């Protein structure tokens, strides 16, 4: 979708980590095979032999879009290297021999599956997903139904918990001042001619705080 928007591909690190890919339809066939032929209690890995590095995928995507990618200058124009993901595994290689023994084999090659996927996103991606601009960033942050870019998230004000804690601190500060003021009224005003009246007033204030469970 980035290339469709005439934007650079985003590549974590140097692009050397490799992964093995499967077309979605082949995964469905694999699950169907396990459902009908698998043995209960056994574990079956759905694996592929199409191992490819992230930088190679960039080359293949640029080829599909008809964009230059042969030279470092070409890549720099269409691929943006970003900070690597923390704990980014260099390679995933899963053994799928048990599933193969059940008779399953992938039918769609990586190249064909990638072309089909790109075509689908070209036709339906923007309509299906809506505005996912924030997702198409190096390190999107997802919390519940909210999505931010990493930069936006870093600039957010204190979290709700922190804000609540700050609010509580302000409340307790105010309550301490209220209680202190009530005690001052009790002590100082008792010395004038209306001491009894002011003492009763201060005691009523303290009782109100006590009743609300807000004394400190």
N, C-alpha and C. Protein backbone atom coordinates (compact mmCIF):
# COMPACT_ATOMS: atom_id res chain seq x y z
N UNK A 1 0.83 -1.21 0.00
CA UNK A 1 0.00 0.00 0.00
C UNK A 1 0.86 1.26 0.00
N UNK A 2 2.06 1.15 0.56
CA UNK A 2 2.95 2.30 0.55
C UNK A 2 3.35 2.66 -0.87
N UNK A 3 3.75 1.66 -1.65
CA UNK A 3 4.14 1.93 -3.04
C UNK A 3 2.96 2.44 -3.84
N UNK A 4 1.78 1.95 -3.55
CA UNK A 4 0.58 2.42 -4.24
C UNK A 4 0.34 3.89 -3.96
N UNK A 5 0.77 4.33 -2.78
CA UNK A 5 0.64 5.74 -2.41
C UNK A 5 1.87 6.55 -2.82
N UNK A 6 2.74 5.93 -3.61
CA UNK A 6 3.98 6.57 -4.04
C UNK A 6 4.88 6.93 -2.86
N UNK A 7 4.86 6.08 -1.84
CA UNK A 7 5.70 6.26 -0.66
C UNK A 7 6.74 5.15 -0.58
N UNK A 8 7.79 5.38 0.18
CA UNK A 8 8.87 4.41 0.30
C UNK A 8 8.43 3.21 1.12
N UNK A 9 8.99 2.04 0.76
CA UNK A 9 8.85 0.87 1.61
C UNK A 9 9.65 1.09 2.88
N UNK A 10 9.18 0.54 3.99
CA UNK A 10 9.89 0.66 5.26
C UNK A 10 10.54 -0.67 5.59
N UNK A 11 11.84 -0.65 5.86
CA UNK A 11 12.59 -1.88 6.07
C UNK A 11 13.31 -1.81 7.40
N UNK A 12 12.96 -2.71 8.33
CA UNK A 12 13.63 -2.75 9.63
C UNK A 12 15.08 -3.23 9.47
N UNK A 13 16.00 -2.52 10.11
CA UNK A 13 17.40 -2.95 10.10
C UNK A 13 17.99 -2.92 8.71
N UNK A 14 18.80 -3.94 8.40
CA UNK A 14 19.44 -3.99 7.09
C UNK A 14 18.71 -4.87 6.09
N UNK A 15 17.60 -5.47 6.53
CA UNK A 15 16.81 -6.28 5.61
C UNK A 15 17.30 -7.70 5.42
N UNK A 16 18.30 -8.11 6.17
CA UNK A 16 18.88 -9.45 5.97
C UNK A 16 18.08 -10.59 6.60
N UNK A 17 17.26 -10.37 7.67
CA UNK A 17 16.51 -11.49 8.23
C UNK A 17 15.63 -12.18 7.18
N UNK A 18 15.52 -13.49 7.28
CA UNK A 18 14.73 -14.25 6.31
C UNK A 18 13.50 -14.85 6.98
N UNK A 19 12.48 -15.06 6.16
CA UNK A 19 11.25 -15.70 6.61
C UNK A 19 10.79 -16.67 5.52
N UNK A 20 9.94 -17.61 5.91
CA UNK A 20 9.32 -18.52 4.95
C UNK A 20 7.86 -18.15 4.82
N UNK A 21 7.40 -17.98 3.60
CA UNK A 21 6.06 -17.45 3.35
C UNK A 21 5.16 -18.49 2.69
N UNK A 22 3.87 -18.37 2.99
CA UNK A 22 2.84 -19.20 2.38
C UNK A 22 1.67 -18.33 1.94
N UNK A 23 1.09 -18.70 0.84
CA UNK A 23 -0.12 -18.02 0.38
C UNK A 23 -1.29 -18.41 1.28
N UNK A 24 -2.19 -17.48 1.52
CA UNK A 24 -3.30 -17.71 2.46
C UNK A 24 -4.12 -18.93 2.07
N UNK A 25 -4.36 -19.12 0.77
CA UNK A 25 -5.15 -20.27 0.33
C UNK A 25 -4.49 -21.60 0.67
N UNK A 26 -3.16 -21.63 0.60
CA UNK A 26 -2.45 -22.85 0.96
C UNK A 26 -2.54 -23.15 2.45
N UNK A 27 -2.57 -22.11 3.26
CA UNK A 27 -2.72 -22.31 4.71
C UNK A 27 -4.09 -22.90 5.02
N UNK A 28 -5.12 -22.42 4.33
CA UNK A 28 -6.47 -22.97 4.52
C UNK A 28 -6.49 -24.45 4.13
N UNK A 29 -5.84 -24.79 3.01
CA UNK A 29 -5.78 -26.19 2.59
C UNK A 29 -5.03 -27.03 3.63
N UNK A 30 -3.98 -26.46 4.21
CA UNK A 30 -3.22 -27.19 5.24
C UNK A 30 -4.09 -27.47 6.45
N UNK A 31 -4.85 -26.47 6.90
CA UNK A 31 -5.74 -26.66 8.05
C UNK A 31 -6.81 -27.70 7.74
N UNK A 32 -7.31 -27.70 6.51
CA UNK A 32 -8.32 -28.68 6.12
C UNK A 32 -7.72 -30.10 6.13
N UNK A 33 -6.46 -30.22 5.68
CA UNK A 33 -5.79 -31.52 5.68
C UNK A 33 -5.61 -32.02 7.10
N UNK A 34 -5.17 -31.14 8.00
CA UNK A 34 -4.99 -31.53 9.40
C UNK A 34 -6.32 -31.93 10.02
N UNK A 35 -7.37 -31.20 9.69
CA UNK A 35 -8.68 -31.48 10.26
C UNK A 35 -9.18 -32.87 9.87
N UNK A 36 -8.94 -33.25 8.61
CA UNK A 36 -9.48 -34.51 8.12
C UNK A 36 -8.51 -35.69 8.26
N UNK A 37 -7.21 -35.43 8.27
CA UNK A 37 -6.25 -36.53 8.27
C UNK A 37 -5.33 -36.55 9.49
N UNK A 38 -5.32 -35.47 10.23
CA UNK A 38 -4.41 -35.39 11.37
C UNK A 38 -4.83 -36.28 12.52
N UNK A 39 -3.87 -36.56 13.39
CA UNK A 39 -4.12 -37.38 14.57
C UNK A 39 -4.30 -36.46 15.78
N UNK A 40 -5.36 -36.69 16.53
CA UNK A 40 -5.64 -35.86 17.71
C UNK A 40 -4.46 -35.95 18.69
N UNK A 41 -4.04 -34.81 19.18
CA UNK A 41 -2.92 -34.76 20.13
C UNK A 41 -1.58 -34.49 19.48
N UNK A 42 -1.52 -34.59 18.14
CA UNK A 42 -0.28 -34.32 17.42
C UNK A 42 -0.18 -32.84 17.06
N UNK A 43 1.05 -32.38 16.84
CA UNK A 43 1.31 -31.00 16.42
C UNK A 43 1.83 -31.02 14.99
N UNK A 44 1.21 -30.22 14.14
CA UNK A 44 1.62 -30.16 12.73
C UNK A 44 2.03 -28.72 12.39
N UNK A 45 3.26 -28.55 11.97
CA UNK A 45 3.74 -27.25 11.52
C UNK A 45 3.35 -27.03 10.06
N UNK A 46 2.79 -25.88 9.77
CA UNK A 46 2.48 -25.52 8.39
C UNK A 46 3.69 -24.75 7.87
N UNK A 47 4.48 -25.40 7.04
CA UNK A 47 5.77 -24.84 6.66
C UNK A 47 5.89 -24.67 5.14
N UNK A 48 6.85 -23.87 4.76
CA UNK A 48 7.15 -23.62 3.35
C UNK A 48 8.64 -23.68 3.15
N UNK A 49 9.04 -23.93 1.91
CA UNK A 49 10.46 -23.90 1.56
C UNK A 49 10.84 -22.59 0.88
N UNK A 50 9.86 -21.68 0.73
CA UNK A 50 10.12 -20.40 0.08
C UNK A 50 10.72 -19.42 1.09
N UNK A 51 11.99 -19.58 1.36
CA UNK A 51 12.66 -18.70 2.32
C UNK A 51 13.27 -17.52 1.59
N UNK A 52 12.97 -16.33 2.09
CA UNK A 52 13.40 -15.12 1.38
C UNK A 52 13.68 -14.02 2.39
N UNK A 53 14.67 -13.21 2.11
CA UNK A 53 15.03 -12.11 3.02
C UNK A 53 14.10 -10.92 2.80
N UNK A 54 14.04 -10.07 3.79
CA UNK A 54 13.17 -8.89 3.70
C UNK A 54 13.61 -7.95 2.58
N UNK A 55 14.92 -7.82 2.37
CA UNK A 55 15.39 -6.94 1.30
C UNK A 55 15.04 -7.52 -0.06
N UNK A 56 15.03 -8.85 -0.18
CA UNK A 56 14.63 -9.47 -1.44
C UNK A 56 13.16 -9.20 -1.73
N UNK A 57 12.34 -9.20 -0.69
CA UNK A 57 10.92 -8.88 -0.90
C UNK A 57 10.77 -7.47 -1.44
N UNK A 58 11.58 -6.56 -0.94
CA UNK A 58 11.55 -5.18 -1.45
C UNK A 58 11.84 -5.16 -2.94
N UNK A 59 12.87 -5.89 -3.34
CA UNK A 59 13.21 -5.96 -4.76
C UNK A 59 12.03 -6.49 -5.58
N UNK A 60 11.39 -7.56 -5.10
CA UNK A 60 10.28 -8.17 -5.83
C UNK A 60 9.07 -7.23 -5.91
N UNK A 61 8.81 -6.50 -4.83
CA UNK A 61 7.70 -5.54 -4.85
C UNK A 61 7.96 -4.41 -5.83
N UNK A 62 9.17 -3.91 -5.82
CA UNK A 62 9.52 -2.83 -6.75
C UNK A 62 9.44 -3.32 -8.19
N UNK A 63 9.80 -4.58 -8.41
CA UNK A 63 9.69 -5.17 -9.75
C UNK A 63 8.23 -5.22 -10.19
N UNK A 64 7.34 -5.65 -9.31
CA UNK A 64 5.92 -5.73 -9.64
C UNK A 64 5.36 -4.36 -9.98
N UNK A 65 5.80 -3.33 -9.26
CA UNK A 65 5.31 -1.98 -9.48
C UNK A 65 6.04 -1.27 -10.61
N UNK A 66 6.99 -1.96 -11.23
CA UNK A 66 7.72 -1.37 -12.34
C UNK A 66 8.64 -0.24 -11.95
N UNK A 67 9.18 -0.32 -10.73
CA UNK A 67 10.06 0.73 -10.22
C UNK A 67 11.51 0.26 -10.23
N UNK A 68 12.46 1.17 -10.45
CA UNK A 68 13.87 0.78 -10.51
C UNK A 68 14.37 0.28 -9.14
N UNK A 69 15.21 -0.76 -9.17
CA UNK A 69 15.70 -1.32 -7.90
C UNK A 69 17.05 -2.01 -8.04
N UNK A 70 17.72 -1.80 -9.15
CA UNK A 70 18.95 -2.53 -9.41
C UNK A 70 20.16 -1.97 -8.66
N UNK A 71 20.19 -0.66 -8.47
CA UNK A 71 21.37 -0.02 -7.86
C UNK A 71 21.04 0.48 -6.46
N UNK A 72 22.07 0.71 -5.65
CA UNK A 72 21.83 1.29 -4.31
C UNK A 72 21.07 2.61 -4.37
N UNK A 73 21.32 3.40 -5.41
CA UNK A 73 20.61 4.67 -5.56
C UNK A 73 19.13 4.43 -5.81
N UNK A 74 18.83 3.42 -6.64
CA UNK A 74 17.42 3.08 -6.88
C UNK A 74 16.73 2.67 -5.59
N UNK A 75 17.39 1.83 -4.82
CA UNK A 75 16.80 1.36 -3.56
C UNK A 75 16.60 2.51 -2.58
N UNK A 76 17.55 3.40 -2.52
CA UNK A 76 17.44 4.53 -1.60
C UNK A 76 16.25 5.40 -1.95
N UNK A 77 15.89 5.42 -3.23
CA UNK A 77 14.75 6.23 -3.66
C UNK A 77 13.42 5.63 -3.20
N UNK A 78 13.37 4.28 -3.07
CA UNK A 78 12.10 3.63 -2.80
C UNK A 78 12.07 2.78 -1.53
N UNK A 79 13.21 2.68 -0.83
CA UNK A 79 13.25 1.89 0.40
C UNK A 79 13.88 2.71 1.51
N UNK A 80 13.18 2.85 2.61
CA UNK A 80 13.70 3.59 3.77
C UNK A 80 14.12 2.60 4.85
N UNK A 81 15.38 2.60 5.19
CA UNK A 81 15.87 1.76 6.28
C UNK A 81 15.53 2.41 7.61
N UNK A 82 14.96 1.65 8.52
CA UNK A 82 14.58 2.19 9.82
C UNK A 82 15.33 1.43 10.92
N UNK A 83 15.16 1.89 12.13
CA UNK A 83 15.71 1.18 13.28
C UNK A 83 15.17 -0.25 13.30
N UNK A 84 16.02 -1.19 13.66
CA UNK A 84 15.59 -2.58 13.68
C UNK A 84 14.65 -2.83 14.84
N UNK A 85 13.81 -3.84 14.69
CA UNK A 85 12.92 -4.23 15.78
C UNK A 85 13.74 -4.84 16.92
N UNK A 86 13.34 -4.61 18.16
CA UNK A 86 14.02 -5.27 19.27
C UNK A 86 13.86 -6.79 19.16
N UNK A 87 14.93 -7.53 19.38
CA UNK A 87 14.89 -8.99 19.36
C UNK A 87 14.34 -9.53 18.03
N UNK A 88 14.79 -8.94 16.94
CA UNK A 88 14.35 -9.38 15.62
C UNK A 88 15.08 -10.66 15.24
N UNK A 89 14.35 -11.77 15.16
CA UNK A 89 14.98 -13.05 14.82
C UNK A 89 15.56 -13.00 13.42
N UNK A 90 16.73 -13.58 13.25
CA UNK A 90 17.39 -13.55 11.95
C UNK A 90 16.74 -14.51 10.96
N UNK A 91 16.16 -15.60 11.50
CA UNK A 91 15.64 -16.60 10.57
C UNK A 91 14.56 -17.45 11.25
N UNK A 92 13.51 -17.75 10.50
CA UNK A 92 12.52 -18.73 10.91
C UNK A 92 12.58 -19.90 9.93
N UNK A 93 12.75 -21.09 10.43
CA UNK A 93 12.78 -22.27 9.56
C UNK A 93 12.02 -23.39 10.26
N UNK A 94 10.82 -23.64 9.80
CA UNK A 94 9.94 -24.60 10.46
C UNK A 94 9.93 -25.93 9.72
N UNK A 95 9.96 -27.03 10.46
CA UNK A 95 9.92 -28.37 9.88
C UNK A 95 8.47 -28.79 9.67
N UNK A 96 8.05 -28.93 8.42
CA UNK A 96 6.67 -29.31 8.13
C UNK A 96 6.54 -30.73 7.61
N UNK A 97 7.52 -31.58 7.93
CA UNK A 97 7.53 -32.95 7.38
C UNK A 97 6.31 -33.77 7.82
N UNK A 98 5.82 -33.56 9.04
CA UNK A 98 4.67 -34.33 9.52
C UNK A 98 3.42 -34.00 8.70
N UNK A 99 3.28 -32.73 8.34
CA UNK A 99 2.13 -32.35 7.53
C UNK A 99 2.30 -32.85 6.09
N UNK A 100 3.51 -32.80 5.59
CA UNK A 100 3.78 -33.33 4.25
C UNK A 100 3.42 -34.81 4.17
N UNK A 101 3.69 -35.54 5.26
CA UNK A 101 3.37 -36.97 5.30
C UNK A 101 1.88 -37.23 5.20
N UNK A 102 1.07 -36.23 5.54
CA UNK A 102 -0.38 -36.37 5.41
C UNK A 102 -0.86 -36.11 3.99
N UNK A 103 0.08 -35.68 3.13
CA UNK A 103 -0.27 -35.46 1.73
C UNK A 103 -0.41 -34.02 1.31
N UNK A 104 -0.12 -33.10 2.24
CA UNK A 104 -0.28 -31.67 1.90
C UNK A 104 0.99 -31.10 1.30
N UNK A 105 0.81 -30.29 0.27
CA UNK A 105 1.90 -29.53 -0.33
C UNK A 105 1.35 -28.17 -0.75
N UNK A 106 2.13 -27.08 -0.59
CA UNK A 106 1.65 -25.79 -1.09
C UNK A 106 1.52 -25.81 -2.61
N UNK A 107 0.50 -25.15 -3.11
CA UNK A 107 0.23 -25.13 -4.55
C UNK A 107 0.65 -23.80 -5.21
N UNK A 108 0.71 -22.76 -4.42
CA UNK A 108 1.02 -21.44 -4.97
C UNK A 108 2.46 -21.06 -4.62
N UNK A 109 3.26 -20.74 -5.63
CA UNK A 109 4.64 -20.33 -5.38
C UNK A 109 4.67 -18.96 -4.73
N UNK A 110 5.82 -18.60 -4.17
CA UNK A 110 5.93 -17.30 -3.52
C UNK A 110 5.67 -16.18 -4.51
N UNK A 111 6.25 -16.26 -5.69
CA UNK A 111 6.09 -15.20 -6.70
C UNK A 111 4.63 -15.03 -7.10
N UNK A 112 3.94 -16.15 -7.33
CA UNK A 112 2.54 -16.07 -7.72
C UNK A 112 1.69 -15.53 -6.57
N UNK A 113 1.95 -16.02 -5.36
CA UNK A 113 1.19 -15.55 -4.21
C UNK A 113 1.40 -14.06 -3.95
N UNK A 114 2.64 -13.60 -4.10
CA UNK A 114 2.93 -12.18 -3.89
C UNK A 114 2.21 -11.33 -4.93
N UNK A 115 2.22 -11.78 -6.18
CA UNK A 115 1.54 -11.03 -7.24
C UNK A 115 0.04 -10.96 -6.98
N UNK A 116 -0.56 -12.07 -6.54
CA UNK A 116 -1.99 -12.08 -6.24
C UNK A 116 -2.31 -11.14 -5.07
N UNK A 117 -1.43 -11.15 -4.07
CA UNK A 117 -1.65 -10.31 -2.89
C UNK A 117 -1.56 -8.83 -3.24
N UNK A 118 -0.56 -8.48 -4.04
CA UNK A 118 -0.40 -7.09 -4.47
C UNK A 118 -1.61 -6.65 -5.28
N UNK A 119 -2.08 -7.51 -6.16
CA UNK A 119 -3.23 -7.16 -6.99
C UNK A 119 -4.47 -6.93 -6.13
N UNK A 120 -4.65 -7.78 -5.09
CA UNK A 120 -5.80 -7.58 -4.21
C UNK A 120 -5.72 -6.24 -3.50
N UNK A 121 -4.53 -5.92 -2.97
CA UNK A 121 -4.39 -4.65 -2.25
C UNK A 121 -4.55 -3.46 -3.18
N UNK A 122 -4.12 -3.61 -4.40
CA UNK A 122 -4.31 -2.51 -5.35
C UNK A 122 -5.80 -2.25 -5.59
N UNK A 123 -6.59 -3.30 -5.66
CA UNK A 123 -8.00 -3.17 -5.97
C UNK A 123 -8.86 -2.86 -4.76
N UNK A 124 -8.54 -3.49 -3.63
CA UNK A 124 -9.46 -3.41 -2.49
C UNK A 124 -8.84 -2.88 -1.20
N UNK A 125 -7.53 -2.77 -1.15
CA UNK A 125 -6.87 -2.46 0.12
C UNK A 125 -7.36 -1.21 0.82
N UNK A 126 -7.42 -0.11 0.08
CA UNK A 126 -7.81 1.17 0.70
C UNK A 126 -9.25 1.13 1.18
N UNK A 127 -10.13 0.49 0.40
CA UNK A 127 -11.54 0.41 0.78
C UNK A 127 -11.73 -0.55 1.94
N UNK A 128 -11.06 -1.69 1.90
CA UNK A 128 -11.24 -2.71 2.93
C UNK A 128 -10.73 -2.25 4.28
N UNK A 129 -9.51 -1.69 4.31
CA UNK A 129 -8.88 -1.32 5.57
C UNK A 129 -9.19 0.10 6.01
N UNK A 130 -9.61 0.95 5.09
CA UNK A 130 -9.83 2.34 5.47
C UNK A 130 -8.51 3.06 5.64
N UNK A 131 -8.52 4.12 6.42
CA UNK A 131 -7.31 4.90 6.63
C UNK A 131 -6.41 4.22 7.66
N UNK A 132 -5.36 3.59 7.18
CA UNK A 132 -4.42 2.92 8.09
C UNK A 132 -3.04 3.57 7.98
N UNK A 133 -3.05 4.87 7.76
CA UNK A 133 -1.78 5.59 7.59
C UNK A 133 -0.85 5.39 8.79
N UNK A 134 -1.42 5.38 10.00
CA UNK A 134 -0.59 5.23 11.19
C UNK A 134 0.01 3.81 11.29
N UNK A 135 -0.70 2.84 10.73
CA UNK A 135 -0.18 1.47 10.76
C UNK A 135 1.01 1.34 9.82
N UNK A 136 0.98 2.09 8.73
CA UNK A 136 2.03 2.00 7.72
C UNK A 136 3.24 2.85 8.11
N UNK A 137 3.67 2.69 9.33
CA UNK A 137 4.85 3.40 9.86
C UNK A 137 5.78 2.36 10.50
N UNK A 138 7.04 2.71 10.76
CA UNK A 138 7.99 1.71 11.25
C UNK A 138 7.58 1.01 12.54
N UNK A 139 7.05 1.77 13.50
CA UNK A 139 6.73 1.18 14.81
C UNK A 139 5.40 1.71 15.33
N UNK A 140 4.28 1.31 14.70
CA UNK A 140 2.98 1.77 15.21
C UNK A 140 2.72 1.23 16.60
N UNK A 141 1.98 2.01 17.40
CA UNK A 141 1.63 1.61 18.76
C UNK A 141 0.12 1.41 18.81
N UNK A 142 -0.30 0.20 19.20
CA UNK A 142 -1.72 -0.13 19.26
C UNK A 142 -2.11 -0.38 20.71
N UNK A 143 -3.09 0.35 21.19
CA UNK A 143 -3.62 0.15 22.54
C UNK A 143 -5.14 0.14 22.45
N UNK A 144 -5.70 -1.06 22.59
CA UNK A 144 -7.15 -1.19 22.43
C UNK A 144 -7.53 -0.90 20.99
N UNK A 145 -8.38 0.09 20.79
CA UNK A 145 -8.79 0.47 19.43
C UNK A 145 -8.05 1.70 18.94
N UNK A 146 -7.10 2.19 19.74
CA UNK A 146 -6.35 3.39 19.38
C UNK A 146 -5.03 3.00 18.73
N UNK A 147 -4.65 3.74 17.69
CA UNK A 147 -3.39 3.50 16.98
C UNK A 147 -2.66 4.83 16.84
N UNK A 148 -1.38 4.81 17.20
CA UNK A 148 -0.54 5.99 17.04
C UNK A 148 0.75 5.61 16.32
N UNK A 149 1.39 6.59 15.70
CA UNK A 149 2.77 6.39 15.30
C UNK A 149 3.61 6.44 16.57
N UNK A 150 4.82 5.92 16.50
CA UNK A 150 5.68 5.92 17.69
C UNK A 150 5.92 7.35 18.15
N UNK A 151 6.12 8.27 17.19
CA UNK A 151 6.38 9.66 17.54
C UNK A 151 5.17 10.29 18.23
N UNK A 152 3.97 10.00 17.72
CA UNK A 152 2.76 10.52 18.36
C UNK A 152 2.60 9.98 19.76
N UNK A 153 2.87 8.68 19.92
CA UNK A 153 2.70 8.04 21.23
C UNK A 153 3.69 8.62 22.24
N UNK A 154 4.92 8.88 21.79
CA UNK A 154 5.93 9.44 22.69
C UNK A 154 5.56 10.84 23.18
N UNK A 155 4.75 11.55 22.37
CA UNK A 155 4.38 12.92 22.72
C UNK A 155 3.05 13.00 23.47
N UNK A 156 2.42 11.85 23.72
CA UNK A 156 1.14 11.87 24.43
C UNK A 156 1.35 12.36 25.86
N UNK A 157 0.33 13.04 26.43
CA UNK A 157 0.41 13.42 27.85
C UNK A 157 0.43 12.20 28.72
N UNK A 158 0.56 12.40 30.02
CA UNK A 158 0.61 11.29 30.96
C UNK A 158 -0.58 10.37 30.75
N UNK A 159 -0.38 9.10 31.03
CA UNK A 159 -1.44 8.11 30.87
C UNK A 159 -2.57 8.42 31.84
N UNK A 160 -3.70 7.75 31.61
CA UNK A 160 -4.85 7.96 32.49
C UNK A 160 -4.51 7.65 33.93
N UNK A 161 -3.73 6.57 34.14
CA UNK A 161 -3.35 6.22 35.51
C UNK A 161 -2.49 7.29 36.15
N UNK A 162 -1.52 7.79 35.36
CA UNK A 162 -0.66 8.84 35.90
C UNK A 162 -1.46 10.10 36.16
N UNK A 163 -2.38 10.41 35.23
CA UNK A 163 -3.21 11.60 35.42
C UNK A 163 -4.07 11.46 36.66
N UNK A 164 -4.62 10.25 36.83
CA UNK A 164 -5.46 10.02 38.02
C UNK A 164 -4.63 10.15 39.28
N UNK A 165 -3.39 9.65 39.24
CA UNK A 165 -2.53 9.74 40.42
C UNK A 165 -2.22 11.20 40.74
N UNK A 166 -1.94 11.98 39.67
CA UNK A 166 -1.68 13.40 39.90
C UNK A 166 -2.92 14.07 40.47
N UNK A 167 -4.10 13.68 39.94
CA UNK A 167 -5.34 14.26 40.45
C UNK A 167 -5.57 13.92 41.90
N UNK A 168 -5.23 12.68 42.27
CA UNK A 168 -5.38 12.27 43.67
C UNK A 168 -4.45 13.06 44.57
N UNK A 169 -3.22 13.29 44.10
CA UNK A 169 -2.27 14.06 44.89
C UNK A 169 -2.78 15.47 45.13
N UNK A 170 -3.37 16.07 44.10
CA UNK A 170 -3.94 17.41 44.25
C UNK A 170 -5.10 17.39 45.24
N UNK A 171 -5.93 16.32 45.16
CA UNK A 171 -7.07 16.22 46.07
C UNK A 171 -6.60 16.11 47.51
N UNK A 172 -5.59 15.24 47.75
CA UNK A 172 -5.11 15.06 49.13
C UNK A 172 -4.44 16.32 49.65
N UNK A 173 -3.76 17.04 48.76
CA UNK A 173 -3.16 18.31 49.18
C UNK A 173 -4.24 19.29 49.61
N UNK A 174 -5.33 19.34 48.82
CA UNK A 174 -6.43 20.23 49.17
C UNK A 174 -7.07 19.82 50.49
N UNK A 175 -7.25 18.51 50.70
CA UNK A 175 -7.87 18.03 51.93
C UNK A 175 -7.02 18.36 53.15
N UNK A 176 -5.68 18.21 52.99
CA UNK A 176 -4.80 18.57 54.10
C UNK A 176 -4.94 20.03 54.45
N UNK A 177 -5.02 20.87 53.41
CA UNK A 177 -5.17 22.30 53.65
C UNK A 177 -6.51 22.59 54.33
N UNK A 178 -7.55 21.89 53.87
CA UNK A 178 -8.86 22.07 54.48
C UNK A 178 -8.84 21.69 55.95
N UNK A 179 -8.24 20.55 56.27
CA UNK A 179 -8.20 20.10 57.66
C UNK A 179 -7.37 21.05 58.51
N UNK A 180 -6.22 21.49 57.92
CA UNK A 180 -5.37 22.43 58.66
C UNK A 180 -6.11 23.71 58.93
N UNK A 181 -6.86 24.19 57.90
CA UNK A 181 -7.60 25.43 58.08
C UNK A 181 -8.68 25.28 59.14
N UNK A 182 -9.30 24.09 59.16
CA UNK A 182 -10.33 23.86 60.17
C UNK A 182 -9.73 23.88 61.56
N UNK A 183 -8.54 23.30 61.72
CA UNK A 183 -7.88 23.27 63.02
C UNK A 183 -7.44 24.67 63.43
N UNK A 184 -6.95 25.44 62.44
CA UNK A 184 -6.54 26.82 62.74
C UNK A 184 -7.74 27.62 63.21
N UNK A 185 -8.86 27.44 62.49
CA UNK A 185 -10.07 28.15 62.89
C UNK A 185 -10.46 27.77 64.31
N UNK A 186 -10.30 26.49 64.62
CA UNK A 186 -10.66 25.99 65.95
C UNK A 186 -9.80 26.64 67.02
N UNK A 187 -8.49 26.77 66.73
CA UNK A 187 -7.57 27.26 67.75
C UNK A 187 -7.59 28.77 67.88
N UNK A 188 -7.55 29.47 66.72
CA UNK A 188 -7.40 30.93 66.78
C UNK A 188 -8.72 31.62 67.07
N UNK A 189 -9.77 31.14 66.46
CA UNK A 189 -11.04 31.83 66.64
C UNK A 189 -11.66 31.57 67.99
N UNK A 190 -11.22 30.50 68.62
CA UNK A 190 -11.74 30.19 69.94
C UNK A 190 -11.33 31.27 70.95
N UNK A 191 -10.26 32.03 70.56
CA UNK A 191 -9.73 33.01 71.50
C UNK A 191 -10.52 34.32 71.49
N UNK A 192 -11.32 34.53 70.43
CA UNK A 192 -12.09 35.77 70.44
C UNK A 192 -13.43 35.54 71.14
N UNK A 193 -14.27 36.51 71.06
CA UNK A 193 -15.52 36.43 71.81
C UNK A 193 -16.49 35.38 71.29
N UNK A 194 -16.29 34.95 70.04
CA UNK A 194 -17.20 33.98 69.45
C UNK A 194 -16.56 32.59 69.39
N UNK A 195 -15.71 32.31 70.33
CA UNK A 195 -14.95 31.06 70.30
C UNK A 195 -15.82 29.83 70.17
N UNK A 196 -16.88 29.75 70.92
CA UNK A 196 -17.72 28.56 70.90
C UNK A 196 -18.33 28.35 69.51
N UNK A 197 -18.78 29.47 68.89
CA UNK A 197 -19.41 29.37 67.58
C UNK A 197 -18.41 28.88 66.53
N UNK A 198 -17.20 29.46 66.53
CA UNK A 198 -16.18 29.08 65.54
C UNK A 198 -15.67 27.67 65.77
N UNK A 199 -15.59 27.27 67.03
CA UNK A 199 -15.18 25.89 67.31
C UNK A 199 -16.19 24.91 66.74
N UNK A 200 -17.46 25.21 66.91
CA UNK A 200 -18.50 24.36 66.35
C UNK A 200 -18.41 24.32 64.83
N UNK A 201 -18.13 25.47 64.20
CA UNK A 201 -18.01 25.55 62.74
C UNK A 201 -16.85 24.69 62.25
N UNK A 202 -15.71 24.76 62.92
CA UNK A 202 -14.54 23.98 62.52
C UNK A 202 -14.81 22.49 62.69
N UNK A 203 -15.46 22.14 63.80
CA UNK A 203 -15.76 20.73 64.04
C UNK A 203 -16.72 20.17 62.99
N UNK A 204 -17.65 20.99 62.55
CA UNK A 204 -18.58 20.55 61.51
C UNK A 204 -17.85 20.29 60.20
N UNK A 205 -16.86 21.12 59.89
CA UNK A 205 -16.07 20.92 58.67
C UNK A 205 -15.29 19.61 58.74
N UNK A 206 -14.70 19.35 59.89
CA UNK A 206 -13.95 18.10 60.07
C UNK A 206 -14.87 16.89 59.98
N UNK A 207 -16.05 17.00 60.58
CA UNK A 207 -16.98 15.89 60.55
C UNK A 207 -17.43 15.60 59.12
N UNK A 208 -17.60 16.66 58.31
CA UNK A 208 -18.02 16.48 56.92
C UNK A 208 -16.95 15.74 56.13
N UNK A 209 -15.69 16.08 56.38
CA UNK A 209 -14.58 15.39 55.71
C UNK A 209 -14.51 13.94 56.17
N UNK A 210 -14.68 13.72 57.48
CA UNK A 210 -14.63 12.37 58.02
C UNK A 210 -15.75 11.50 57.41
N UNK A 211 -16.91 12.08 57.31
CA UNK A 211 -18.06 11.34 56.78
C UNK A 211 -17.84 10.94 55.34
N UNK A 212 -17.17 11.79 54.59
CA UNK A 212 -16.89 11.51 53.17
C UNK A 212 -15.70 10.56 53.01
N UNK A 213 -15.07 10.21 54.14
CA UNK A 213 -13.91 9.32 54.06
C UNK A 213 -12.70 10.00 53.48
N UNK A 214 -12.62 11.30 53.63
CA UNK A 214 -11.56 12.06 52.97
C UNK A 214 -10.62 12.71 53.95
N UNK A 215 -10.61 12.27 55.20
CA UNK A 215 -9.66 12.86 56.14
C UNK A 215 -8.30 12.23 55.92
N UNK A 216 -7.26 12.96 56.32
CA UNK A 216 -5.89 12.49 56.11
C UNK A 216 -5.15 12.48 57.42
